[in-house]
Amino acid sequence: MTVLSSRKHSCTHAMARNTLFALLVGRGAEGFKAPLPRFDTKVAKLSRSRLSANRPSDVLCIGDMLYDCIATDEALGWPIEKVVEAGAWGAWPGGAPANVACALRKLGTPSSFAGCVGADPDGDALRTLLETTGVDTSLLRQTDEAPTRRVMVSRTLDGDRQFAGFADGKPASSFADAAFDYRAVRGDVPSVLGSAQWVCTSTLSLAFPRSADTLLTIVDAALSQGCRLCVDVNWRPVFWPLGDDEEPMGDDQSQGLGSKRKTERRGEAVARSEILRLAKRAHVVKLTDEEAEWLLDIPAADAFADPESVHEAFPNALAVLVTAGEKGAAFSLLGVQGIVPTFPVVAVETTGAGDAFTAGFLHGLLALELDFKMFRILVPKEQQRLVISSLMLFATACGAITCTRTGAIAAQPSVDEVEAFLVGEDVEGVVVDGAKRAEGIRFLDSHSEIATRAAAAVKAEAQLTLNGGGSSAFGSFPDRPEADERGDDNGPVLSKAQETPPEPEYTFKF
């Protein structure tokens, strides 16, 4: 069977909008071999726009919006001083919360942004970008007391980013986002929160007293009204003060350096405490494997291999997402753990990929109308992994496409591009590395005999879809060997007769 075929949208609406489910259970262009589980109508909504005329925002994103001044390809490996002197950089709109707000809107989920930029040309341009993208700016303020932030970003020889400071060498606290004042938005907050189902933020606003107070005040109000909270740890040491304002003392250079290191450690301890306090209130926590090591003292490799160990640090969270760059993303969500590998794309610039991933995840939750509290009750057990897999694949595809273009916001995909990408169609500007193998989701737990059988069936079909014979946008792969009795640490691969999960004993009608 040829899988991930390059089918166009000439098929029925239901088939065209069911691409994620088709991807998971290995259905080709010939059609579905067996009746779809009744939950598929919900899964199909992942690719549907939530936009309608004058629809209020579903997600409020709070925090920084700025310009990332990123070293060009010719400046790979240069120190930031040389990059600045040569003017070998390009300015791109960014800031994690603003990135998420724009990515959500492009996917079809209404969003709002709350933050502060300067009353300067940079600030004007950022406001215009939000408005032309369709993001609600009721809670965006501009100030003439500080400029819009510009972050200087150098790049290593292999293209990895290094945050090297701020424009003109100014201290972190001297920019407009640090001056975001709740008093300036107090009158508009209730109307925006009145429609919001989620509040999404990173932790950079916590680095400055005024913006921290504003962020926490809005979060308090949102949680009191029943909103969900998503927190991206987004640890950036360059944003945080050392802690104490003391200078190294003594004439001995080693003494001075030692004192400075102690001060830095105190500053990091304060940052860790503030970030952890906010993250422990969240319903969804996103962090990198390296951030898990810094924040929780869990080795990065362990955090990725065992996301449940990270989840244990956030007992109130219903989902924890651990991203690890080209290794993929691990998740612990509603009792299900797993790892989603990256799609085999040729990366051009990774800035904003994690934010696009976050937006894809939130869009999926809202599009599926996935109720955390009722998930295990309303969704048949043997279909829970299918739904979670659909969600994680969608989010991962959003991040993958963003990596193939330049600029955190400019690179973000539309929902149609994500859908086309997932079925193997060509997407403008997206280059697939045919030398890399695409792999299916690997689950890390099992709950019952039925769930285990269903998970094994999904795994077998997903591997057939992504690694099986035939060609696709993800390359040509050898046929999967028949091995009815083969097993591994993720459970047995079932025979053809067993690959279709049993019909549920009950069905919830959506």
Protein backbone atom coordinates (compact mmCIF):
# COMPACT_ATOMS: atom_id res chain seq x y z
CA MET A 1 0.00 0.00 0.00
CA THR A 2 1.28 3.47 -0.83
CA VAL A 3 0.96 5.67 2.21
CA LEU A 4 1.14 9.39 2.87
CA SER A 5 0.13 9.79 -0.75
CA SER A 6 0.02 13.21 -2.36
CA ARG A 7 -3.74 13.40 -2.53
CA LYS A 8 -5.36 16.73 -3.23
CA HIS A 9 -8.50 18.10 -1.67
CA SER A 10 -10.81 16.73 -4.33
CA CYS A 11 -12.11 14.12 -1.92
CA THR A 12 -15.07 14.68 0.31
CA HIS A 13 -14.97 17.40 2.95
CA ALA A 14 -15.02 14.85 5.74
CA MET A 15 -12.08 12.93 4.27
CA ALA A 16 -10.07 16.07 3.56
CA ARG A 17 -10.58 17.33 7.09
CA ASN A 18 -9.63 14.00 8.66
CA THR A 19 -5.98 14.05 7.73
CA LEU A 20 -4.57 13.64 11.21
CA PHE A 21 -6.64 10.58 11.94
CA ALA A 22 -5.73 9.14 8.55
CA LEU A 23 -2.07 9.73 9.31
CA LEU A 24 -2.29 7.89 12.60
CA VAL A 25 -4.19 4.79 11.51
CA GLY A 26 -2.47 4.37 8.17
CA ARG A 27 -5.26 4.91 5.68
CA GLY A 28 -4.12 5.62 2.15
CA ALA A 29 -5.77 7.23 -0.83
CA GLU A 30 -7.76 4.02 -1.39
CA GLY A 31 -9.97 4.95 1.52
CA PHE A 32 -10.49 3.63 5.02
CA LYS A 33 -10.27 -0.12 5.45
CA ALA A 34 -12.50 -0.27 8.50
CA PRO A 35 -15.18 1.87 10.14
CA LEU A 36 -13.67 4.90 11.82
CA PRO A 37 -13.84 5.04 15.61
CA ARG A 38 -16.70 7.33 16.45
CA PHE A 39 -14.38 9.90 18.00
CA ASP A 40 -12.86 10.81 14.63
CA THR A 41 -15.32 13.64 14.03
CA LYS A 42 -13.74 15.35 16.99
CA VAL A 43 -10.19 14.67 15.83
CA ALA A 44 -11.02 16.14 12.44
CA LYS A 45 -11.71 19.50 14.04
CA LEU A 46 -7.99 19.99 14.63
CA SER A 47 -7.65 21.45 11.17
CA ARG A 48 -10.75 23.61 11.29
CA SER A 49 -10.63 27.33 11.83
CA ARG A 50 -12.28 28.73 14.92
CA LEU A 51 -12.53 32.19 13.39
CA SER A 52 -15.85 33.86 12.72
CA ALA A 53 -16.97 37.42 12.34
CA ASN A 54 -16.29 39.42 15.51
CA ARG A 55 -15.55 36.28 17.51
CA PRO A 56 -13.93 37.21 20.86
CA SER A 57 -10.48 35.89 21.73
CA ASP A 58 -10.07 32.37 23.07
CA VAL A 59 -6.47 32.87 24.22
CA LEU A 60 -4.86 35.88 25.91
CA CYS A 61 -1.06 35.96 25.52
CA ILE A 62 0.79 38.15 28.03
CA GLY A 63 4.38 39.35 28.00
CA ASP A 64 7.09 40.64 25.71
CA MET A 65 7.04 41.69 22.08
CA LEU A 66 10.37 42.78 20.65
CA TYR A 67 12.79 42.53 17.78
CA ASP A 68 15.24 39.63 17.54
CA CYS A 69 18.34 41.00 15.79
CA ILE A 70 19.73 37.74 14.44
CA ALA A 71 23.16 37.27 12.90
CA THR A 72 23.05 36.47 9.19
CA ASP A 73 24.48 33.33 7.59
CA GLU A 74 27.69 35.16 6.71
CA ALA A 75 28.19 35.94 10.40
CA LEU A 76 27.98 32.38 11.71
CA GLY A 77 30.50 31.95 14.50
CA TRP A 78 31.21 35.67 14.83
CA PRO A 79 31.25 37.33 18.27
CA ILE A 80 28.34 39.70 18.71
CA GLU A 81 30.63 42.75 18.64
CA LYS A 82 31.75 41.87 15.13
CA VAL A 83 28.16 41.16 14.06
CA VAL A 84 27.05 44.60 15.24
CA GLU A 85 30.07 46.41 13.78
CA ALA A 86 29.53 44.79 10.37
CA GLY A 87 25.78 45.25 10.49
CA ALA A 88 25.50 41.53 9.68
CA TRP A 89 22.13 40.97 11.26
CA GLY A 90 18.45 41.15 10.42
CA ALA A 91 15.68 42.40 12.72
CA TRP A 92 12.70 40.08 13.08
CA PRO A 93 9.57 40.59 15.23
CA GLY A 94 9.46 38.18 18.14
CA GLY A 95 8.87 37.60 21.83
CA ALA A 96 7.39 34.27 22.90
CA PRO A 97 3.87 35.46 23.93
CA ALA A 98 3.53 37.60 20.79
CA ASN A 99 4.74 34.69 18.67
CA VAL A 100 2.11 32.41 20.17
CA ALA A 101 -0.64 35.01 19.69
CA CYS A 102 0.19 35.40 15.99
CA ALA A 103 0.61 31.67 15.40
CA LEU A 104 -2.76 30.96 16.99
CA ARG A 105 -4.45 33.55 14.80
CA LYS A 106 -2.87 32.09 11.66
CA LEU A 107 -4.15 28.64 12.65
CA GLY A 108 -7.64 30.01 13.13
CA THR A 109 -7.89 30.54 16.89
CA PRO A 110 -8.79 34.11 17.96
CA SER A 111 -6.15 35.58 20.25
CA SER A 112 -5.29 38.73 22.19
CA PHE A 113 -1.94 40.16 23.22
CA ALA A 114 -1.18 42.08 26.41
CA GLY A 115 2.12 43.89 26.72
CA CYS A 116 4.01 47.13 26.24
CA VAL A 117 6.21 48.43 23.42
CA GLY A 118 7.82 51.80 22.90
CA ALA A 119 6.16 54.83 21.35
CA ASP A 120 8.73 54.62 18.59
CA PRO A 121 8.94 53.29 15.02
CA ASP A 122 9.71 49.77 16.26
CA GLY A 123 6.69 49.82 18.55
CA ASP A 124 4.46 51.20 15.82
CA ALA A 125 5.58 48.45 13.44
CA LEU A 126 4.94 45.72 16.01
CA ARG A 127 1.46 47.04 16.74
CA THR A 128 0.72 47.11 13.02
CA LEU A 129 1.95 43.53 12.66
CA LEU A 130 -0.36 42.30 15.40
CA GLU A 131 -3.33 44.14 13.96
CA THR A 132 -2.74 43.00 10.37
CA THR A 133 -2.34 39.43 11.60
CA GLY A 134 -5.71 39.76 13.32
CA VAL A 135 -4.57 39.66 16.94
CA ASP A 136 -6.67 41.75 19.32
CA THR A 137 -4.57 44.62 20.76
CA SER A 138 -6.97 45.93 23.41
CA LEU A 139 -4.32 45.29 26.08
CA LEU A 140 -1.28 46.48 24.11
CA ARG A 141 0.19 49.73 25.38
CA GLN A 142 2.95 52.02 24.07
CA THR A 143 5.12 54.16 26.32
CA ASP A 144 7.49 57.04 25.68
CA GLU A 145 9.51 56.34 28.81
CA ALA A 146 11.45 53.44 27.27
CA PRO A 147 12.23 52.08 23.78
CA THR A 148 11.02 48.85 22.22
CA ARG A 149 13.41 46.06 23.10
CA ARG A 150 15.95 44.76 20.60
CA VAL A 151 17.68 41.50 21.48
CA MET A 152 21.04 40.79 19.86
CA VAL A 153 21.37 37.15 18.79
CA SER A 154 24.63 35.63 17.57
CA ARG A 155 24.78 32.23 15.92
CA THR A 156 27.29 29.44 16.24
CA LEU A 157 28.91 27.80 13.22
CA ASP A 158 26.14 25.20 13.17
CA GLY A 159 23.43 27.87 13.36
CA ASP A 160 22.43 27.60 17.02
CA ARG A 161 21.30 30.86 18.61
CA GLN A 162 23.08 32.58 21.50
CA PHE A 163 21.33 35.51 23.19
CA ALA A 164 24.12 38.03 23.56
CA GLY A 165 22.51 41.12 25.12
CA PHE A 166 20.50 44.11 24.03
CA ALA A 167 20.82 46.94 21.52
CA ASP A 168 23.36 49.64 22.39
CA GLY A 169 24.47 47.62 25.40
CA LYS A 170 21.54 48.82 27.50
CA PRO A 171 20.59 46.97 30.69
CA ALA A 172 17.68 44.53 30.52
CA SER A 173 15.39 46.70 32.64
CA SER A 174 15.57 49.76 30.36
CA PHE A 175 13.04 48.66 27.73
CA ALA A 176 9.32 49.17 27.30
CA ASP A 177 8.17 45.61 28.06
CA ALA A 178 9.69 45.94 31.55
CA ALA A 179 7.46 49.01 32.10
CA PHE A 180 4.16 47.21 31.39
CA ASP A 181 1.87 48.68 34.06
CA TYR A 182 -1.42 47.13 35.13
CA ARG A 183 -2.92 50.54 35.80
CA ALA A 184 -2.75 51.28 32.07
CA VAL A 185 -4.92 48.28 31.13
CA ARG A 186 -7.05 47.76 34.22
CA GLY A 187 -10.23 49.02 32.58
CA ASP A 188 -9.92 46.69 29.55
CA VAL A 189 -8.85 43.48 31.28
CA PRO A 190 -12.35 42.28 32.31
CA SER A 191 -13.75 42.41 28.78
CA VAL A 192 -10.81 40.46 27.32
CA LEU A 193 -10.88 37.85 30.08
CA GLY A 194 -14.63 37.56 29.69
CA SER A 195 -14.18 35.51 26.53
CA ALA A 196 -10.76 33.93 27.11
CA GLN A 197 -10.51 30.24 27.85
CA TRP A 198 -6.72 30.25 28.14
CA VAL A 199 -4.01 32.62 29.28
CA CYS A 200 -0.55 31.91 27.85
CA THR A 201 2.68 33.51 29.04
CA SER A 202 6.41 33.05 29.26
CA THR A 203 8.38 33.97 32.36
CA LEU A 204 10.47 36.91 31.11
CA SER A 205 8.02 39.47 32.53
CA LEU A 206 8.85 38.11 35.99
CA ALA A 207 12.37 39.56 35.68
CA PHE A 208 11.16 43.14 36.22
CA PRO A 209 9.04 44.39 39.17
CA ARG A 210 6.42 46.35 37.24
CA SER A 211 5.79 43.83 34.48
CA ALA A 212 5.87 40.98 37.01
CA ASP A 213 3.15 42.66 39.07
CA THR A 214 1.05 43.21 35.95
CA LEU A 215 1.46 39.63 34.76
CA LEU A 216 0.59 38.10 38.11
CA THR A 217 -2.40 40.41 38.61
CA ILE A 218 -3.88 39.40 35.25
CA VAL A 219 -3.14 35.72 35.90
CA ASP A 220 -4.87 35.94 39.29
CA ALA A 221 -7.94 37.49 37.67
CA ALA A 222 -7.97 34.93 34.87
CA LEU A 223 -7.70 31.92 37.16
CA SER A 224 -10.43 33.29 39.40
CA GLN A 225 -12.71 33.40 36.35
CA GLY A 226 -11.99 29.80 35.39
CA CYS A 227 -9.40 30.36 32.65
CA ARG A 228 -6.68 27.78 32.06
CA LEU A 229 -3.03 28.82 32.30
CA CYS A 230 -0.19 27.78 29.98
CA VAL A 231 3.35 28.72 31.04
CA ASP A 232 6.46 28.51 28.87
CA VAL A 233 9.52 28.51 31.14
CA ASN A 234 11.61 30.26 28.45
CA TRP A 235 14.69 30.74 30.65
CA ARG A 236 16.83 33.58 29.29
CA PRO A 237 19.56 34.58 31.79
CA VAL A 238 20.31 37.79 29.86
CA PHE A 239 16.92 39.19 30.92
CA TRP A 240 17.42 38.68 34.65
CA PRO A 241 19.45 40.92 36.99
CA LEU A 242 22.25 39.29 38.96
CA GLY A 243 20.21 39.67 42.13
CA ASP A 244 22.19 42.01 44.37
CA ASP A 245 23.69 45.26 43.14
CA GLU A 246 26.95 44.59 44.94
CA GLU A 247 30.20 44.86 43.02
CA PRO A 248 33.10 42.42 43.43
CA MET A 249 35.23 43.61 46.33
CA GLY A 250 38.97 43.44 46.95
CA ASP A 251 42.04 43.90 44.82
CA ASP A 252 42.50 40.20 44.14
CA GLN A 253 41.05 39.36 40.72
CA SER A 254 40.10 35.83 41.74
CA GLN A 255 38.28 37.19 44.78
CA GLY A 256 36.36 39.59 42.57
CA LEU A 257 35.37 36.86 40.13
CA GLY A 258 34.33 34.62 43.00
CA SER A 259 32.13 37.33 44.45
CA LYS A 260 30.55 37.93 41.06
CA ARG A 261 29.81 34.23 40.64
CA LYS A 262 28.16 34.12 44.05
CA THR A 263 26.03 37.10 43.10
CA GLU A 264 25.03 35.41 39.83
CA ARG A 265 24.07 32.25 41.69
CA ARG A 266 21.90 34.27 44.07
CA GLY A 267 20.28 35.93 41.07
CA GLU A 268 19.59 32.58 39.45
CA ALA A 269 18.12 31.27 42.71
CA VAL A 270 15.67 34.19 42.78
CA ALA A 271 14.76 33.62 39.12
CA ARG A 272 14.29 29.88 39.68
CA SER A 273 12.02 30.51 42.65
CA GLU A 274 9.83 33.03 40.81
CA ILE A 275 9.56 30.91 37.67
CA LEU A 276 8.74 27.76 39.62
CA ARG A 277 6.09 29.56 41.64
CA LEU A 278 4.26 30.63 38.49
CA ALA A 279 4.73 27.33 36.64
CA LYS A 280 3.26 25.36 39.54
CA ARG A 281 -0.03 27.23 39.03
CA ALA A 282 -0.25 26.26 35.36
CA HIS A 283 -2.49 23.71 33.69
CA VAL A 284 0.08 23.28 30.91
CA VAL A 285 3.83 23.69 31.41
CA LYS A 286 6.20 23.79 28.44
CA LEU A 287 9.95 23.72 28.88
CA THR A 288 13.03 22.40 27.12
CA ASP A 289 15.02 19.43 28.37
CA GLU A 290 17.84 21.83 29.34
CA GLU A 291 15.39 24.06 31.24
CA ALA A 292 14.18 21.00 33.15
CA GLU A 293 17.75 20.43 34.27
CA TRP A 294 18.22 24.05 35.31
CA LEU A 295 14.82 24.44 36.99
CA LEU A 296 14.26 20.99 38.51
CA ASP A 297 17.74 19.44 38.62
CA ILE A 298 16.55 16.59 36.38
CA PRO A 299 19.24 15.68 33.82
CA ALA A 300 18.19 16.82 30.37
CA ALA A 301 18.34 13.31 28.92
CA ASP A 302 16.16 11.97 31.74
CA ALA A 303 13.63 14.78 31.37
CA PHE A 304 13.15 13.92 27.71
CA ALA A 305 13.15 10.15 28.16
CA ASP A 306 10.80 10.27 31.15
CA PRO A 307 8.43 13.28 30.94
CA GLU A 308 6.42 11.90 33.83
CA SER A 309 9.36 12.68 36.13
CA VAL A 310 9.05 16.32 35.07
CA HIS A 311 5.28 16.22 35.50
CA GLU A 312 5.72 15.13 39.12
CA ALA A 313 7.24 18.55 39.84
CA PHE A 314 4.01 20.20 38.69
CA PRO A 315 1.25 18.29 40.52
CA ASN A 316 -1.44 20.77 39.46
CA ALA A 317 -0.58 20.56 35.75
CA LEU A 318 -2.68 18.44 33.44
CA ALA A 319 -0.03 18.47 30.72
CA VAL A 320 3.75 18.87 30.63
CA LEU A 321 5.56 19.29 27.31
CA VAL A 322 9.34 18.81 27.14
CA THR A 323 10.90 19.95 23.86
CA ALA A 324 14.40 18.94 22.83
CA GLY A 325 15.15 20.53 19.48
CA GLU A 326 15.90 18.05 16.73
CA LYS A 327 15.20 15.13 19.08
CA GLY A 328 11.52 16.03 19.20
CA ALA A 329 9.08 16.57 22.04
CA ALA A 330 8.12 14.44 25.01
CA PHE A 331 4.75 14.78 26.69
CA SER A 332 2.89 13.75 29.80
CA LEU A 333 -0.78 14.46 29.26
CA LEU A 334 -3.78 13.10 31.17
CA GLY A 335 -1.96 9.95 32.23
CA VAL A 336 -0.43 9.25 28.82
CA GLN A 337 3.28 9.73 28.18
CA GLY A 338 5.12 9.62 24.90
CA ILE A 339 7.72 11.05 22.56
CA VAL A 340 7.02 12.70 19.21
CA PRO A 341 10.06 12.82 16.89
CA THR A 342 10.66 15.81 14.69
CA PHE A 343 9.58 15.74 11.07
CA PRO A 344 12.50 15.41 8.64
CA VAL A 345 12.61 18.97 7.36
CA VAL A 346 15.63 21.06 6.40
CA ALA A 347 15.82 23.72 9.10
CA VAL A 348 16.70 27.27 8.09
CA GLU A 349 16.11 29.13 11.38
CA THR A 350 14.74 27.69 14.62
CA THR A 351 13.67 30.96 16.27
CA GLY A 352 10.02 30.72 17.27
CA ALA A 353 9.61 27.01 16.50
CA GLY A 354 8.80 26.23 20.12
CA ASP A 355 6.21 29.01 20.18
CA ALA A 356 4.57 27.63 17.03
CA PHE A 357 4.52 24.23 18.76
CA THR A 358 2.79 25.77 21.79
CA ALA A 359 0.25 27.51 19.55
CA GLY A 360 -0.46 24.27 17.69
CA PHE A 361 -1.04 22.50 20.99
CA LEU A 362 -3.44 25.14 22.30
CA HIS A 363 -5.24 25.38 18.95
CA GLY A 364 -5.68 21.61 19.03
CA LEU A 365 -7.10 21.61 22.54
CA LEU A 366 -9.62 24.28 21.60
CA ALA A 367 -10.48 22.81 18.20
CA LEU A 368 -11.09 19.40 19.76
CA GLU A 369 -12.99 21.07 22.58
CA LEU A 370 -10.94 18.78 24.76
CA ASP A 371 -12.09 19.10 28.35
CA PHE A 372 -9.25 18.13 30.65
CA LYS A 373 -11.49 17.24 33.58
CA MET A 374 -13.87 15.05 31.56
CA PHE A 375 -11.41 13.55 29.08
CA ARG A 376 -11.16 10.11 30.64
CA ILE A 377 -14.91 9.95 31.18
CA LEU A 378 -16.08 11.17 27.80
CA VAL A 379 -13.44 9.61 25.54
CA PRO A 380 -13.41 5.80 25.24
CA LYS A 381 -10.19 4.46 26.69
CA GLU A 382 -9.03 2.79 23.47
CA GLN A 383 -9.40 6.10 21.61
CA GLN A 384 -7.62 8.36 24.09
CA ARG A 385 -4.19 7.76 22.61
CA LEU A 386 -5.48 8.47 19.12
CA VAL A 387 -6.74 11.87 20.21
CA ILE A 388 -3.55 12.74 22.10
CA SER A 389 -1.41 11.54 19.19
CA SER A 390 -3.37 13.72 16.77
CA LEU A 391 -2.85 16.70 19.01
CA MET A 392 0.89 16.15 19.43
CA LEU A 393 1.50 15.49 15.72
CA PHE A 394 -0.34 18.68 14.80
CA ALA A 395 1.69 20.75 17.28
CA THR A 396 4.96 19.19 16.11
CA ALA A 397 4.13 19.90 12.47
CA CYS A 398 3.54 23.57 13.33
CA GLY A 399 7.00 23.78 14.85
CA ALA A 400 8.63 21.87 12.00
CA ILE A 401 7.25 24.13 9.28
CA THR A 402 8.33 27.23 11.23
CA CYS A 403 11.93 25.94 11.23
CA THR A 404 12.05 25.96 7.44
CA ARG A 405 11.66 29.73 7.09
CA THR A 406 13.20 32.88 8.52
CA GLY A 407 11.57 34.99 11.23
CA ALA A 408 9.63 33.71 14.22
CA ILE A 409 6.29 35.21 13.09
CA ALA A 410 6.80 35.37 9.33
CA ALA A 411 7.63 31.66 9.29
CA GLN A 412 4.45 30.50 11.02
CA PRO A 413 2.15 28.21 9.01
CA SER A 414 -1.53 28.49 8.24
CA VAL A 415 -3.80 25.62 9.16
CA ASP A 416 -4.06 24.64 5.48
CA GLU A 417 -0.27 24.38 5.26
CA VAL A 418 -0.13 22.15 8.32
CA GLU A 419 -2.86 19.91 6.92
CA ALA A 420 -1.13 19.65 3.53
CA PHE A 421 2.21 18.93 5.21
CA LEU A 422 0.75 16.09 7.28
CA VAL A 423 -0.58 14.27 4.22
CA GLY A 424 2.68 14.63 2.33
CA GLU A 425 1.77 17.41 -0.06
CA ASP A 426 4.26 20.08 -1.06
CA VAL A 427 4.18 23.24 1.04
CA GLU A 428 5.80 26.38 -0.32
CA GLY A 429 9.19 27.00 1.25
CA VAL A 430 9.26 23.71 3.15
CA VAL A 431 12.12 21.41 2.17
CA VAL A 432 11.98 17.82 3.38
CA ASP A 433 15.20 15.93 4.05
CA GLY A 434 14.65 12.60 2.31
CA ALA A 435 17.76 11.15 3.95
CA LYS A 436 16.12 11.23 7.36
CA ARG A 437 13.60 8.67 8.50
CA ALA A 438 10.24 9.77 9.79
CA GLU A 439 9.14 7.85 12.85
CA GLY A 440 5.85 7.44 14.64
CA ILE A 441 4.95 8.47 18.17
CA ARG A 442 6.39 6.22 20.86
CA PHE A 443 4.19 5.76 23.89
CA LEU A 444 5.82 5.26 27.26
CA ASP A 445 3.07 3.71 29.37
CA SER A 446 0.10 1.34 29.36
CA HIS A 447 -3.04 1.44 31.47
CA SER A 448 -5.06 -1.64 30.63
CA GLU A 449 -5.19 -4.61 28.30
CA ILE A 450 -7.53 -2.81 25.91
CA ALA A 451 -5.47 0.37 25.96
CA THR A 452 -2.28 -1.60 25.39
CA ARG A 453 -3.76 -3.44 22.41
CA ALA A 454 -5.07 -0.18 20.96
CA ALA A 455 -1.72 1.55 21.47
CA ALA A 456 0.11 -1.32 19.79
CA ALA A 457 -2.31 -1.17 16.89
CA VAL A 458 -1.78 2.56 16.52
CA LYS A 459 1.97 2.11 16.72
CA ALA A 460 1.98 -0.64 14.11
CA GLU A 461 -0.17 1.37 11.71
CA ALA A 462 1.67 4.63 12.37
CA GLN A 463 4.99 2.96 11.65
CA LEU A 464 3.50 1.50 8.49
CA THR A 465 2.32 4.98 7.54
CA LEU A 466 5.54 6.81 8.32
CA ASN A 467 8.15 4.08 7.76
CA GLY A 468 6.39 1.69 5.43
CA GLY A 469 6.89 0.97 1.75
CA GLY A 470 6.18 3.54 -0.90
CA SER A 471 7.25 7.12 -1.31
CA SER A 472 5.96 10.31 0.23
CA ALA A 473 7.06 13.82 1.02
CA PHE A 474 9.08 12.26 3.83
CA GLY A 475 11.15 10.07 1.47
CA SER A 476 11.12 6.45 0.31
CA PHE A 477 11.48 3.80 2.94
CA PRO A 478 11.80 0.00 2.81
CA ASP A 479 8.79 -2.16 3.48
CA ARG A 480 8.12 -3.00 7.08
CA PRO A 481 8.93 -6.66 7.76
CA GLU A 482 6.08 -8.89 8.80
CA ALA A 483 6.66 -9.90 12.40
CA ASP A 484 3.46 -10.95 14.09
CA GLU A 485 5.31 -12.28 17.11
CA ARG A 486 7.85 -9.48 17.31
CA GLY A 487 7.80 -7.33 20.42
CA ASP A 488 9.86 -4.65 22.10
CA ASP A 489 9.79 -2.49 25.21
CA ASN A 490 6.85 -0.53 23.82
CA GLY A 491 4.56 -3.52 23.57
CA PRO A 492 3.93 -6.16 20.93
CA VAL A 493 3.26 -5.38 17.30
CA LEU A 494 -0.04 -7.07 16.57
CA SER A 495 -0.93 -9.17 13.58
CA LYS A 496 -3.14 -7.91 10.77
CA ALA A 497 -6.17 -9.48 12.38
CA GLN A 498 -5.47 -7.62 15.60
CA GLU A 499 -4.48 -4.22 14.24
CA THR A 500 -7.94 -2.67 14.40
CA PRO A 501 -8.81 -1.71 18.00
CA PRO A 502 -12.01 -3.30 19.34
CA GLU A 503 -15.21 -1.33 19.14
CA PRO A 504 -15.85 0.56 22.41
CA GLU A 505 -18.46 -0.78 24.74
CA TYR A 506 -20.03 2.66 24.80
CA THR A 507 -19.90 5.72 22.61
CA PHE A 508 -20.14 9.34 23.59
CA LYS A 509 -21.97 11.43 21.01
CA PHE A 510 -20.39 14.83 20.30
